[in-house]
């Protein structure tokens, strides 16, 4: 497959009017921070042990951090970067996890400006997708040094990603029922127990089971 073909395909995906409409309809870009996502990024960094964790939504020209933990300024306050600084765009265009041990030596991203400007060296990103197939972003953890990602870390991040995917689908249902803002404003008491659940976990399998149980509660309408 030629580089020009891949570039054109990627641009088509990122610029899809329908995909961009889904991002807007679900209130996932250029919107306020929400405790739901902030709690998840906090927990992802704590569980995996990385300085940075992001829930990133990718538009046609920039990526927007719906939630971020640990980014350097001015990016933490601005909550966005151009795609010149985006690893997450590759998760969107492939629909697959992106596992990068050392970005400086990885052919896909070694020239990405996130390396010098955001100090992104190790990267592990999971696709954020709706159940009808729209690829919207990435739930990622980032290290400022080379990081050999273990099978356990990848499995845990996949489970974190599944939680956000369940939330995206719940938001989609609320949007179609014309009650999205009410849904966003709802109190979510089950979030309060997630941190203690994960701290009480005794193994990787236990962490994943607890995240999957939480995902199921999201899917069932909390």
N, C-alpha and C. Protein backbone atom coordinates (compact mmCIF):
# COMPACT_ATOMS: atom_id res chain seq x y z
N UNK A 1 0.85 -1.19 0.00
CA UNK A 1 0.00 0.00 0.00
C UNK A 1 0.89 1.24 0.00
N UNK A 2 0.64 2.16 -0.92
CA UNK A 2 1.50 3.33 -1.05
C UNK A 2 1.25 4.32 0.07
N UNK A 3 2.28 5.16 0.32
CA UNK A 3 2.14 6.19 1.35
C UNK A 3 1.04 7.18 0.98
N UNK A 4 0.92 7.50 -0.32
CA UNK A 4 -0.10 8.46 -0.74
C UNK A 4 -1.50 7.90 -0.53
N UNK A 5 -1.65 6.60 -0.78
CA UNK A 5 -2.95 5.97 -0.54
C UNK A 5 -3.31 6.03 0.94
N UNK A 6 -2.34 5.69 1.80
CA UNK A 6 -2.58 5.71 3.25
C UNK A 6 -2.92 7.11 3.72
N UNK A 7 -2.19 8.10 3.20
CA UNK A 7 -2.45 9.48 3.60
C UNK A 7 -3.85 9.92 3.19
N UNK A 8 -4.24 9.60 1.96
CA UNK A 8 -5.58 9.97 1.49
C UNK A 8 -6.66 9.26 2.29
N UNK A 9 -6.43 8.00 2.58
CA UNK A 9 -7.41 7.25 3.38
C UNK A 9 -7.55 7.85 4.77
N UNK A 10 -6.42 8.17 5.39
CA UNK A 10 -6.47 8.74 6.73
C UNK A 10 -7.18 10.08 6.74
N UNK A 11 -6.91 10.91 5.73
CA UNK A 11 -7.58 12.21 5.65
C UNK A 11 -9.08 12.04 5.46
N UNK A 12 -9.47 11.06 4.67
CA UNK A 12 -10.89 10.80 4.45
C UNK A 12 -11.58 10.44 5.76
N UNK A 13 -10.92 9.60 6.54
CA UNK A 13 -11.50 9.21 7.84
C UNK A 13 -11.62 10.42 8.77
N UNK A 14 -10.54 11.17 8.89
CA UNK A 14 -10.53 12.28 9.84
C UNK A 14 -11.50 13.38 9.43
N UNK A 15 -11.68 13.58 8.12
CA UNK A 15 -12.52 14.67 7.64
C UNK A 15 -13.97 14.25 7.40
N UNK A 16 -14.31 13.02 7.69
CA UNK A 16 -15.68 12.56 7.48
C UNK A 16 -16.68 13.46 8.19
N UNK A 17 -17.60 14.03 7.42
CA UNK A 17 -18.60 14.93 8.01
C UNK A 17 -19.47 14.19 9.02
N UNK A 18 -19.79 12.95 8.74
CA UNK A 18 -20.62 12.18 9.67
C UNK A 18 -19.89 11.92 10.98
N UNK A 19 -18.61 11.57 10.89
CA UNK A 19 -17.83 11.34 12.11
C UNK A 19 -17.72 12.60 12.94
N UNK A 20 -17.44 13.72 12.29
CA UNK A 20 -17.33 14.99 13.01
C UNK A 20 -18.66 15.39 13.63
N UNK A 21 -19.76 15.07 12.96
CA UNK A 21 -21.08 15.37 13.52
C UNK A 21 -21.33 14.56 14.79
N UNK A 22 -20.87 13.31 14.80
CA UNK A 22 -21.04 12.48 16.00
C UNK A 22 -20.28 13.10 17.17
N UNK A 23 -19.05 13.55 16.92
CA UNK A 23 -18.27 14.20 17.98
C UNK A 23 -19.02 15.39 18.57
N UNK A 24 -19.60 16.20 17.72
CA UNK A 24 -20.35 17.38 18.17
C UNK A 24 -21.63 16.97 18.89
N UNK A 25 -22.36 16.04 18.29
CA UNK A 25 -23.64 15.63 18.86
C UNK A 25 -23.50 15.04 20.26
N UNK A 26 -22.39 14.37 20.50
CA UNK A 26 -22.16 13.76 21.81
C UNK A 26 -21.49 14.71 22.79
N UNK A 27 -21.26 15.95 22.37
CA UNK A 27 -20.65 16.98 23.22
C UNK A 27 -19.28 16.55 23.72
N UNK A 28 -18.48 16.00 22.80
CA UNK A 28 -17.17 15.49 23.17
C UNK A 28 -16.02 16.38 22.70
N UNK A 29 -16.31 17.45 21.95
CA UNK A 29 -15.25 18.37 21.54
C UNK A 29 -15.65 19.80 21.92
N UNK A 30 -14.63 20.56 22.33
CA UNK A 30 -14.82 21.97 22.67
C UNK A 30 -15.91 22.16 23.71
N UNK A 31 -15.91 21.28 24.69
CA UNK A 31 -16.89 21.31 25.78
C UNK A 31 -16.15 21.24 27.12
N UNK A 32 -16.89 21.51 28.17
CA UNK A 32 -16.30 21.58 29.50
C UNK A 32 -15.76 20.22 29.96
N UNK A 33 -14.82 20.29 30.89
CA UNK A 33 -14.37 19.08 31.55
C UNK A 33 -15.54 18.47 32.33
N UNK A 34 -15.50 17.15 32.49
CA UNK A 34 -16.55 16.45 33.22
C UNK A 34 -15.91 15.50 34.23
N UNK A 35 -16.45 15.45 35.45
CA UNK A 35 -15.87 14.58 36.47
C UNK A 35 -15.77 13.12 36.05
N UNK A 36 -16.73 12.65 35.27
CA UNK A 36 -16.71 11.25 34.83
C UNK A 36 -15.40 10.92 34.15
N UNK A 37 -15.01 11.71 33.16
CA UNK A 37 -13.78 11.43 32.41
C UNK A 37 -12.54 11.77 33.23
N UNK A 38 -12.62 12.83 34.04
CA UNK A 38 -11.46 13.20 34.85
C UNK A 38 -11.12 12.12 35.87
N UNK A 39 -12.14 11.50 36.44
CA UNK A 39 -11.87 10.41 37.38
C UNK A 39 -11.19 9.24 36.66
N UNK A 40 -11.63 8.96 35.46
CA UNK A 40 -11.05 7.84 34.72
C UNK A 40 -9.59 8.10 34.36
N UNK A 41 -9.26 9.31 33.92
CA UNK A 41 -7.86 9.59 33.59
C UNK A 41 -6.98 9.56 34.84
N UNK A 42 -7.51 10.07 35.94
CA UNK A 42 -6.76 9.98 37.20
C UNK A 42 -6.45 8.51 37.54
N UNK A 43 -7.48 7.68 37.44
CA UNK A 43 -7.31 6.27 37.81
C UNK A 43 -6.38 5.54 36.85
N UNK A 44 -6.48 5.87 35.56
CA UNK A 44 -5.60 5.20 34.59
C UNK A 44 -4.14 5.49 34.89
N UNK A 45 -3.82 6.75 35.16
CA UNK A 45 -2.43 7.08 35.49
C UNK A 45 -1.98 6.40 36.77
N UNK A 46 -2.87 6.34 37.76
CA UNK A 46 -2.51 5.72 39.03
C UNK A 46 -2.31 4.22 38.88
N UNK A 47 -3.19 3.56 38.15
CA UNK A 47 -3.11 2.11 38.01
C UNK A 47 -1.91 1.71 37.14
N UNK A 48 -1.71 2.41 36.03
CA UNK A 48 -0.63 2.06 35.12
C UNK A 48 0.71 2.63 35.58
N UNK A 49 0.66 3.75 36.31
CA UNK A 49 1.89 4.35 36.82
C UNK A 49 2.58 5.26 35.82
N UNK A 50 1.78 6.04 35.09
CA UNK A 50 2.34 6.96 34.11
C UNK A 50 2.01 8.40 34.50
N UNK A 51 2.85 9.36 34.09
CA UNK A 51 2.60 10.75 34.48
C UNK A 51 1.45 11.40 33.72
N UNK A 52 1.09 10.85 32.55
CA UNK A 52 0.08 11.48 31.70
C UNK A 52 -0.98 10.46 31.31
N UNK A 53 -2.22 10.91 31.33
CA UNK A 53 -3.34 10.10 30.83
C UNK A 53 -4.33 11.04 30.17
N UNK A 54 -4.87 10.63 29.01
CA UNK A 54 -5.74 11.50 28.22
C UNK A 54 -6.93 10.74 27.67
N UNK A 55 -8.09 11.40 27.69
CA UNK A 55 -9.21 11.01 26.84
C UNK A 55 -9.25 12.05 25.73
N UNK A 56 -8.85 11.62 24.54
CA UNK A 56 -8.62 12.53 23.42
C UNK A 56 -9.64 12.28 22.31
N UNK A 57 -10.22 13.37 21.82
CA UNK A 57 -11.10 13.31 20.66
C UNK A 57 -10.40 13.98 19.48
N UNK A 58 -10.43 13.36 18.31
CA UNK A 58 -9.66 13.83 17.16
C UNK A 58 -10.61 14.39 16.11
N UNK A 59 -10.43 15.66 15.77
CA UNK A 59 -11.20 16.29 14.70
C UNK A 59 -10.38 16.23 13.41
N UNK A 60 -10.79 16.99 12.41
CA UNK A 60 -10.08 16.98 11.13
C UNK A 60 -8.79 17.79 11.17
N UNK A 61 -8.63 18.66 12.18
CA UNK A 61 -7.45 19.54 12.19
C UNK A 61 -6.77 19.66 13.56
N UNK A 62 -7.39 19.14 14.61
CA UNK A 62 -6.78 19.21 15.94
C UNK A 62 -7.31 18.08 16.79
N UNK A 63 -6.62 17.83 17.90
CA UNK A 63 -7.14 16.90 18.88
C UNK A 63 -7.52 17.68 20.13
N UNK A 64 -8.63 17.25 20.73
CA UNK A 64 -9.19 17.93 21.90
C UNK A 64 -9.15 16.97 23.08
N UNK A 65 -8.65 17.47 24.20
CA UNK A 65 -8.55 16.64 25.39
C UNK A 65 -9.82 16.81 26.22
N UNK A 66 -10.72 15.85 26.10
CA UNK A 66 -11.91 15.88 26.94
C UNK A 66 -11.53 15.74 28.41
N UNK A 67 -10.45 15.03 28.64
CA UNK A 67 -9.87 14.97 29.99
C UNK A 67 -8.38 14.76 29.85
N UNK A 68 -7.62 15.40 30.74
CA UNK A 68 -6.17 15.23 30.70
C UNK A 68 -5.61 15.29 32.11
N UNK A 69 -4.60 14.49 32.31
CA UNK A 69 -3.84 14.53 33.56
C UNK A 69 -2.37 14.57 33.22
N UNK A 70 -1.65 15.58 33.72
CA UNK A 70 -0.21 15.58 33.67
C UNK A 70 0.45 16.21 32.47
N UNK A 71 -0.32 16.84 31.57
CA UNK A 71 0.31 17.48 30.42
C UNK A 71 1.09 18.72 30.85
N UNK A 72 2.18 19.04 30.15
CA UNK A 72 2.86 20.30 30.43
C UNK A 72 2.04 21.47 29.90
N UNK A 73 2.30 22.64 30.45
CA UNK A 73 1.69 23.86 29.93
C UNK A 73 2.44 24.29 28.66
N UNK A 74 1.75 24.93 27.71
CA UNK A 74 0.38 25.45 27.81
C UNK A 74 -0.70 24.45 27.42
N UNK A 75 -0.29 23.21 27.11
CA UNK A 75 -1.25 22.24 26.55
C UNK A 75 -2.31 21.83 27.55
N UNK A 76 -1.93 21.72 28.83
CA UNK A 76 -2.92 21.33 29.84
C UNK A 76 -4.06 22.34 29.91
N UNK A 77 -3.73 23.62 29.85
CA UNK A 77 -4.77 24.65 29.92
C UNK A 77 -5.51 24.82 28.60
N UNK A 78 -4.79 24.70 27.49
CA UNK A 78 -5.42 24.89 26.19
C UNK A 78 -6.32 23.72 25.81
N UNK A 79 -6.02 22.54 26.31
CA UNK A 79 -6.84 21.34 26.10
C UNK A 79 -6.91 20.90 24.64
N UNK A 80 -5.93 21.24 23.86
CA UNK A 80 -5.90 20.81 22.47
C UNK A 80 -4.50 20.97 21.91
N UNK A 81 -4.25 20.25 20.82
CA UNK A 81 -3.04 20.47 20.02
C UNK A 81 -3.42 20.30 18.56
N UNK A 82 -2.62 20.87 17.65
CA UNK A 82 -2.80 20.54 16.23
C UNK A 82 -2.42 19.08 16.00
N UNK A 83 -2.81 18.54 14.86
CA UNK A 83 -2.53 17.14 14.57
C UNK A 83 -1.04 16.88 14.36
N UNK A 84 -0.24 17.93 14.17
CA UNK A 84 1.21 17.76 14.12
C UNK A 84 1.74 17.19 15.44
N UNK A 85 0.94 17.31 16.50
CA UNK A 85 1.34 16.85 17.83
C UNK A 85 0.48 15.67 18.29
N UNK A 86 -0.11 14.95 17.37
CA UNK A 86 -1.07 13.91 17.74
C UNK A 86 -0.59 12.51 17.37
N UNK A 87 -0.47 11.66 18.39
CA UNK A 87 -0.35 10.22 18.17
C UNK A 87 -1.75 9.61 18.05
N UNK A 88 -2.72 10.21 18.74
CA UNK A 88 -4.06 9.63 18.82
C UNK A 88 -4.76 9.56 17.47
N UNK A 89 -4.37 10.43 16.54
CA UNK A 89 -4.99 10.36 15.21
C UNK A 89 -4.76 9.00 14.56
N UNK A 90 -3.65 8.35 14.86
CA UNK A 90 -3.35 7.06 14.26
C UNK A 90 -4.24 5.96 14.85
N UNK A 91 -4.64 6.12 16.09
CA UNK A 91 -5.60 5.19 16.68
C UNK A 91 -6.95 5.33 15.99
N UNK A 92 -7.31 6.56 15.68
CA UNK A 92 -8.59 6.81 15.00
C UNK A 92 -8.57 6.24 13.59
N UNK A 93 -7.52 6.48 12.84
CA UNK A 93 -7.51 6.08 11.43
C UNK A 93 -7.37 4.57 11.25
N UNK A 94 -6.74 3.90 12.20
CA UNK A 94 -6.61 2.44 12.11
C UNK A 94 -7.72 1.70 12.85
N UNK A 95 -8.31 2.36 13.86
CA UNK A 95 -9.28 1.68 14.70
C UNK A 95 -8.65 0.63 15.59
N UNK A 96 -7.33 0.70 15.78
CA UNK A 96 -6.60 -0.30 16.55
C UNK A 96 -5.76 0.36 17.64
N UNK A 97 -5.41 -0.39 18.69
CA UNK A 97 -4.50 0.16 19.70
C UNK A 97 -3.17 0.55 19.08
N UNK A 98 -2.54 1.56 19.67
CA UNK A 98 -1.20 1.96 19.26
C UNK A 98 -0.29 1.80 20.46
N UNK A 99 0.73 0.97 20.30
CA UNK A 99 1.67 0.66 21.38
C UNK A 99 3.05 1.12 20.94
N UNK A 100 3.58 2.12 21.63
CA UNK A 100 4.87 2.72 21.27
C UNK A 100 5.79 2.68 22.49
N UNK A 101 6.87 1.94 22.37
CA UNK A 101 7.82 1.85 23.48
C UNK A 101 8.70 3.11 23.55
N UNK A 102 9.24 3.52 22.41
CA UNK A 102 10.08 4.71 22.33
C UNK A 102 9.75 5.43 21.03
N UNK A 103 9.01 6.54 21.16
CA UNK A 103 8.52 7.24 19.97
C UNK A 103 9.65 7.72 19.08
N UNK A 104 10.81 7.98 19.64
CA UNK A 104 11.94 8.49 18.86
C UNK A 104 12.46 7.46 17.86
N UNK A 105 12.08 6.19 18.08
CA UNK A 105 12.56 5.12 17.21
C UNK A 105 11.41 4.42 16.47
N UNK A 106 10.20 4.96 16.57
CA UNK A 106 9.02 4.34 15.97
C UNK A 106 8.73 5.02 14.64
N UNK A 107 8.72 4.24 13.55
CA UNK A 107 8.60 4.83 12.21
C UNK A 107 7.34 5.68 12.05
N UNK A 108 6.24 5.28 12.67
CA UNK A 108 4.98 6.00 12.48
C UNK A 108 5.00 7.40 13.09
N UNK A 109 5.69 7.57 14.21
CA UNK A 109 5.56 8.81 14.97
C UNK A 109 6.89 9.51 15.27
N UNK A 110 7.99 9.01 14.77
CA UNK A 110 9.29 9.55 15.19
C UNK A 110 9.50 11.01 14.80
N UNK A 111 8.73 11.51 13.84
CA UNK A 111 8.84 12.92 13.44
C UNK A 111 7.70 13.77 14.01
N UNK A 112 6.90 13.19 14.89
CA UNK A 112 5.77 13.92 15.46
C UNK A 112 6.26 14.96 16.46
N UNK A 113 5.67 16.16 16.39
CA UNK A 113 6.10 17.26 17.26
C UNK A 113 5.73 17.07 18.73
N UNK A 114 4.91 16.07 19.02
CA UNK A 114 4.61 15.79 20.43
C UNK A 114 5.84 15.31 21.18
N UNK A 115 6.81 14.79 20.46
CA UNK A 115 8.01 14.28 21.13
C UNK A 115 8.80 15.43 21.75
N UNK A 116 9.19 16.47 21.00
CA UNK A 116 9.94 17.56 21.63
C UNK A 116 9.07 18.50 22.47
N UNK A 117 7.82 18.71 22.05
CA UNK A 117 7.00 19.75 22.70
C UNK A 117 6.23 19.24 23.91
N UNK A 118 5.81 17.98 23.89
CA UNK A 118 5.04 17.43 24.99
C UNK A 118 5.79 16.32 25.72
N UNK A 119 6.98 16.01 25.24
CA UNK A 119 7.82 14.97 25.84
C UNK A 119 7.12 13.62 25.85
N UNK A 120 6.46 13.29 24.74
CA UNK A 120 5.82 12.00 24.59
C UNK A 120 6.86 11.00 24.07
N UNK A 121 7.18 10.03 24.90
CA UNK A 121 8.16 9.01 24.52
C UNK A 121 7.48 7.63 24.47
N UNK A 122 6.95 7.19 25.58
CA UNK A 122 6.16 5.96 25.60
C UNK A 122 4.69 6.30 25.47
N UNK A 123 3.97 5.53 24.63
CA UNK A 123 2.55 5.83 24.38
C UNK A 123 1.79 4.52 24.25
N UNK A 124 0.65 4.46 24.92
CA UNK A 124 -0.27 3.33 24.80
C UNK A 124 -1.68 3.89 24.67
N UNK A 125 -2.28 3.73 23.48
CA UNK A 125 -3.60 4.31 23.22
C UNK A 125 -4.60 3.27 22.76
N UNK A 126 -5.81 3.35 23.30
CA UNK A 126 -6.90 2.45 22.96
C UNK A 126 -7.99 3.18 22.19
N UNK A 127 -8.58 2.55 21.16
CA UNK A 127 -9.60 3.22 20.36
C UNK A 127 -10.85 3.55 21.16
N UNK A 128 -11.39 4.72 20.91
CA UNK A 128 -12.69 5.12 21.44
C UNK A 128 -13.65 5.17 20.27
N UNK A 129 -14.63 4.27 20.30
CA UNK A 129 -15.52 4.07 19.16
C UNK A 129 -16.95 3.88 19.64
N UNK A 130 -17.89 4.31 18.80
CA UNK A 130 -19.29 4.06 19.09
C UNK A 130 -19.68 2.67 18.59
N UNK A 131 -20.83 2.18 19.09
CA UNK A 131 -21.23 0.84 18.68
C UNK A 131 -21.71 0.77 17.24
N UNK A 132 -21.88 1.93 16.60
CA UNK A 132 -22.22 1.91 15.18
C UNK A 132 -21.01 2.22 14.30
N UNK A 133 -19.81 2.12 14.89
CA UNK A 133 -18.61 2.07 14.08
C UNK A 133 -17.82 3.35 13.90
N UNK A 134 -18.23 4.44 14.54
CA UNK A 134 -17.49 5.69 14.38
C UNK A 134 -16.28 5.72 15.32
N UNK A 135 -15.11 5.94 14.75
CA UNK A 135 -13.88 6.03 15.53
C UNK A 135 -13.64 7.50 15.88
N UNK A 136 -13.65 7.80 17.18
CA UNK A 136 -13.67 9.19 17.62
C UNK A 136 -12.38 9.66 18.28
N UNK A 137 -11.68 8.77 18.94
CA UNK A 137 -10.51 9.23 19.67
C UNK A 137 -9.74 8.10 20.30
N UNK A 138 -9.04 8.42 21.38
CA UNK A 138 -8.18 7.45 22.04
C UNK A 138 -8.16 7.73 23.54
N UNK A 139 -8.15 6.65 24.32
CA UNK A 139 -7.85 6.74 25.75
C UNK A 139 -6.41 6.26 25.88
N UNK A 140 -5.52 7.17 26.25
CA UNK A 140 -4.11 6.82 26.24
C UNK A 140 -3.43 7.17 27.56
N UNK A 141 -2.35 6.45 27.80
CA UNK A 141 -1.41 6.79 28.86
C UNK A 141 -0.06 7.04 28.21
N UNK A 142 0.69 7.97 28.78
CA UNK A 142 1.93 8.44 28.17
C UNK A 142 3.04 8.47 29.22
N UNK A 143 4.22 8.05 28.80
CA UNK A 143 5.40 8.13 29.66
C UNK A 143 6.41 9.09 29.03
N UNK A 144 7.19 9.74 29.88
CA UNK A 144 8.20 10.67 29.39
C UNK A 144 9.56 10.01 29.23
N UNK A 145 9.55 8.69 29.25
CA UNK A 145 10.75 7.89 29.00
C UNK A 145 10.31 6.61 28.29
N UNK A 146 11.24 5.87 27.70
CA UNK A 146 10.85 4.62 27.05
C UNK A 146 10.11 3.69 28.02
N UNK A 147 9.09 3.06 27.51
CA UNK A 147 8.24 2.22 28.36
C UNK A 147 7.90 0.94 27.59
N UNK A 148 8.32 -0.18 28.12
CA UNK A 148 7.95 -1.48 27.55
C UNK A 148 6.61 -1.88 28.15
N UNK A 149 5.55 -1.73 27.37
CA UNK A 149 4.20 -1.97 27.88
C UNK A 149 3.95 -3.47 28.04
N UNK A 150 3.51 -3.86 29.22
CA UNK A 150 3.27 -5.28 29.48
C UNK A 150 1.89 -5.70 28.98
N UNK A 151 1.69 -7.00 28.87
CA UNK A 151 0.38 -7.51 28.48
C UNK A 151 -0.68 -7.08 29.49
N UNK A 152 -0.31 -7.04 30.76
CA UNK A 152 -1.27 -6.62 31.79
C UNK A 152 -1.67 -5.16 31.60
N UNK A 153 -0.69 -4.29 31.34
CA UNK A 153 -1.00 -2.87 31.14
C UNK A 153 -1.89 -2.67 29.93
N UNK A 154 -1.60 -3.39 28.86
CA UNK A 154 -2.43 -3.28 27.65
C UNK A 154 -3.85 -3.76 27.93
N UNK A 155 -3.98 -4.86 28.65
CA UNK A 155 -5.31 -5.39 28.97
C UNK A 155 -6.10 -4.43 29.86
N UNK A 156 -5.42 -3.82 30.83
CA UNK A 156 -6.10 -2.88 31.72
C UNK A 156 -6.55 -1.64 30.94
N UNK A 157 -5.69 -1.13 30.07
CA UNK A 157 -6.09 0.04 29.29
C UNK A 157 -7.22 -0.28 28.32
N UNK A 158 -7.24 -1.50 27.81
CA UNK A 158 -8.36 -1.89 26.95
C UNK A 158 -9.67 -1.85 27.75
N UNK A 159 -9.61 -2.28 29.01
CA UNK A 159 -10.80 -2.25 29.86
C UNK A 159 -11.21 -0.81 30.17
N UNK A 160 -10.24 0.08 30.42
CA UNK A 160 -10.56 1.50 30.60
C UNK A 160 -11.22 2.06 29.34
N UNK A 161 -10.68 1.71 28.17
CA UNK A 161 -11.28 2.17 26.93
C UNK A 161 -12.70 1.69 26.76
N UNK A 162 -12.97 0.46 27.17
CA UNK A 162 -14.32 -0.09 27.05
C UNK A 162 -15.31 0.70 27.92
N UNK A 163 -14.84 1.19 29.07
CA UNK A 163 -15.72 2.01 29.91
C UNK A 163 -16.12 3.28 29.17
N UNK A 164 -15.14 3.95 28.55
CA UNK A 164 -15.45 5.18 27.82
C UNK A 164 -16.33 4.88 26.61
N UNK A 165 -16.10 3.76 25.94
CA UNK A 165 -16.95 3.41 24.81
C UNK A 165 -18.39 3.19 25.24
N UNK A 166 -18.59 2.59 26.40
CA UNK A 166 -19.94 2.42 26.92
C UNK A 166 -20.58 3.78 27.20
N UNK A 167 -19.78 4.70 27.72
CA UNK A 167 -20.28 6.05 27.98
C UNK A 167 -20.66 6.76 26.67
N UNK A 168 -19.85 6.59 25.63
CA UNK A 168 -20.19 7.20 24.34
C UNK A 168 -21.52 6.67 23.82
N UNK A 169 -21.74 5.39 23.96
CA UNK A 169 -23.00 4.82 23.49
C UNK A 169 -24.18 5.30 24.32
N UNK A 170 -23.97 5.44 25.63
CA UNK A 170 -25.04 5.97 26.48
C UNK A 170 -25.36 7.42 26.10
N UNK A 171 -24.33 8.18 25.80
CA UNK A 171 -24.56 9.56 25.35
C UNK A 171 -25.30 9.58 24.01
N UNK A 172 -24.97 8.64 23.14
CA UNK A 172 -25.68 8.55 21.87
C UNK A 172 -27.16 8.28 22.07
N UNK A 173 -27.48 7.37 22.99
CA UNK A 173 -28.89 7.10 23.28
C UNK A 173 -29.58 8.35 23.81
N UNK A 174 -28.89 9.07 24.71
CA UNK A 174 -29.47 10.28 25.29
C UNK A 174 -29.67 11.35 24.22
N UNK A 175 -28.72 11.46 23.31
CA UNK A 175 -28.85 12.46 22.24
C UNK A 175 -30.06 12.15 21.37
N UNK A 176 -30.24 10.89 21.00
CA UNK A 176 -31.37 10.52 20.15
C UNK A 176 -32.70 10.73 20.85
N UNK A 177 -32.67 10.66 22.19
CA UNK A 177 -33.88 10.89 22.97
C UNK A 177 -34.02 12.36 23.39
N UNK A 178 -33.11 13.21 22.88
CA UNK A 178 -33.13 14.65 23.12
C UNK A 178 -33.03 15.00 24.60
N UNK A 179 -32.18 14.28 25.29
CA UNK A 179 -31.99 14.56 26.71
C UNK A 179 -30.51 14.51 27.08
N UNK A 180 -29.63 14.86 26.14
CA UNK A 180 -28.20 14.73 26.39
C UNK A 180 -27.74 15.63 27.52
N UNK A 181 -28.18 16.90 27.54
CA UNK A 181 -27.70 17.80 28.59
C UNK A 181 -28.16 17.33 29.96
N UNK A 182 -29.38 16.84 30.06
CA UNK A 182 -29.83 16.28 31.33
C UNK A 182 -28.97 15.09 31.73
N UNK A 183 -28.63 14.27 30.78
CA UNK A 183 -27.79 13.11 31.04
C UNK A 183 -26.42 13.55 31.57
N UNK A 184 -25.81 14.54 30.92
CA UNK A 184 -24.49 15.01 31.34
C UNK A 184 -24.53 15.58 32.75
N UNK A 185 -25.64 16.23 33.09
CA UNK A 185 -25.76 16.87 34.40
C UNK A 185 -26.13 15.90 35.52
N UNK A 186 -26.48 14.68 35.17
CA UNK A 186 -26.90 13.72 36.19
C UNK A 186 -25.77 13.44 37.18
N UNK A 187 -26.16 13.24 38.42
CA UNK A 187 -25.20 12.76 39.41
C UNK A 187 -24.94 11.28 39.14
N UNK A 188 -23.70 10.87 39.32
CA UNK A 188 -23.35 9.49 39.04
C UNK A 188 -22.70 8.87 40.28
N UNK A 189 -23.50 8.47 41.23
CA UNK A 189 -22.94 8.04 42.51
C UNK A 189 -22.03 6.83 42.40
N UNK A 190 -22.22 6.01 41.37
CA UNK A 190 -21.37 4.83 41.28
C UNK A 190 -19.92 5.17 40.99
N UNK A 191 -19.64 6.38 40.50
CA UNK A 191 -18.25 6.79 40.29
C UNK A 191 -17.49 6.82 41.60
N UNK A 192 -18.18 7.16 42.67
CA UNK A 192 -17.51 7.29 43.95
C UNK A 192 -16.88 5.98 44.41
N UNK A 193 -17.45 4.86 43.98
CA UNK A 193 -16.92 3.58 44.43
C UNK A 193 -15.85 3.00 43.52
N UNK A 194 -15.63 3.58 42.35
CA UNK A 194 -14.70 2.97 41.41
C UNK A 194 -13.27 3.00 41.93
N UNK A 195 -12.85 4.14 42.50
CA UNK A 195 -11.48 4.23 42.99
C UNK A 195 -11.22 3.20 44.09
N UNK A 196 -12.14 3.08 45.04
CA UNK A 196 -11.95 2.10 46.11
C UNK A 196 -12.00 0.68 45.57
N UNK A 197 -12.83 0.44 44.55
CA UNK A 197 -12.88 -0.89 43.93
C UNK A 197 -11.53 -1.26 43.35
N UNK A 198 -10.92 -0.32 42.62
CA UNK A 198 -9.65 -0.63 41.98
C UNK A 198 -8.52 -0.77 43.00
N UNK A 199 -8.56 0.05 44.05
CA UNK A 199 -7.53 -0.07 45.08
C UNK A 199 -7.62 -1.40 45.82
N UNK A 200 -8.83 -1.95 45.89
CA UNK A 200 -9.02 -3.22 46.57
C UNK A 200 -8.68 -4.43 45.71
N UNK A 201 -8.46 -4.20 44.41
CA UNK A 201 -8.16 -5.29 43.50
C UNK A 201 -6.83 -5.94 43.86
N UNK A 202 -6.75 -7.25 43.69
CA UNK A 202 -5.57 -7.99 44.11
C UNK A 202 -4.75 -8.53 42.94
N UNK A 203 -5.23 -8.32 41.71
CA UNK A 203 -4.51 -8.83 40.54
C UNK A 203 -4.97 -8.07 39.31
N UNK A 204 -4.25 -8.25 38.22
CA UNK A 204 -4.67 -7.64 36.96
C UNK A 204 -6.06 -8.11 36.58
N UNK A 205 -6.30 -9.41 36.72
CA UNK A 205 -7.62 -9.95 36.36
C UNK A 205 -8.71 -9.32 37.21
N UNK A 206 -8.41 -9.07 38.46
CA UNK A 206 -9.37 -8.45 39.37
C UNK A 206 -9.65 -7.00 38.94
N UNK A 207 -8.60 -6.26 38.58
CA UNK A 207 -8.79 -4.89 38.09
C UNK A 207 -9.69 -4.89 36.87
N UNK A 208 -9.41 -5.78 35.92
CA UNK A 208 -10.19 -5.84 34.69
C UNK A 208 -11.64 -6.23 34.99
N UNK A 209 -11.84 -7.18 35.87
CA UNK A 209 -13.20 -7.59 36.24
C UNK A 209 -13.97 -6.41 36.84
N UNK A 210 -13.32 -5.63 37.68
CA UNK A 210 -14.00 -4.51 38.33
C UNK A 210 -14.30 -3.40 37.30
N UNK A 211 -13.37 -3.17 36.38
CA UNK A 211 -13.64 -2.20 35.32
C UNK A 211 -14.77 -2.67 34.41
N UNK A 212 -14.81 -3.96 34.11
CA UNK A 212 -15.88 -4.49 33.27
C UNK A 212 -17.23 -4.41 33.97
N UNK A 213 -17.24 -4.62 35.27
CA UNK A 213 -18.50 -4.48 36.02
C UNK A 213 -18.97 -3.03 36.00
N UNK A 214 -18.03 -2.11 36.11
CA UNK A 214 -18.37 -0.69 36.03
C UNK A 214 -18.89 -0.34 34.64
N UNK A 215 -18.23 -0.86 33.62
CA UNK A 215 -18.70 -0.65 32.23
C UNK A 215 -20.13 -1.14 32.08
N UNK A 216 -20.42 -2.29 32.65
CA UNK A 216 -21.79 -2.84 32.53
C UNK A 216 -22.81 -1.94 33.20
N UNK A 217 -22.43 -1.32 34.32
CA UNK A 217 -23.36 -0.38 34.97
C UNK A 217 -23.61 0.83 34.10
N UNK A 218 -22.57 1.30 33.41
CA UNK A 218 -22.75 2.41 32.47
C UNK A 218 -23.71 2.00 31.36
N UNK A 219 -23.52 0.81 30.81
CA UNK A 219 -24.37 0.35 29.73
C UNK A 219 -25.82 0.20 30.16
N UNK A 220 -26.02 -0.14 31.41
CA UNK A 220 -27.39 -0.36 31.91
C UNK A 220 -28.04 0.93 32.40
N UNK A 221 -27.40 2.05 32.12
CA UNK A 221 -28.01 3.33 32.52
C UNK A 221 -27.73 3.72 33.94
N UNK A 222 -26.56 3.25 34.47
CA UNK A 222 -26.13 3.63 35.81
C UNK A 222 -27.05 3.09 36.87
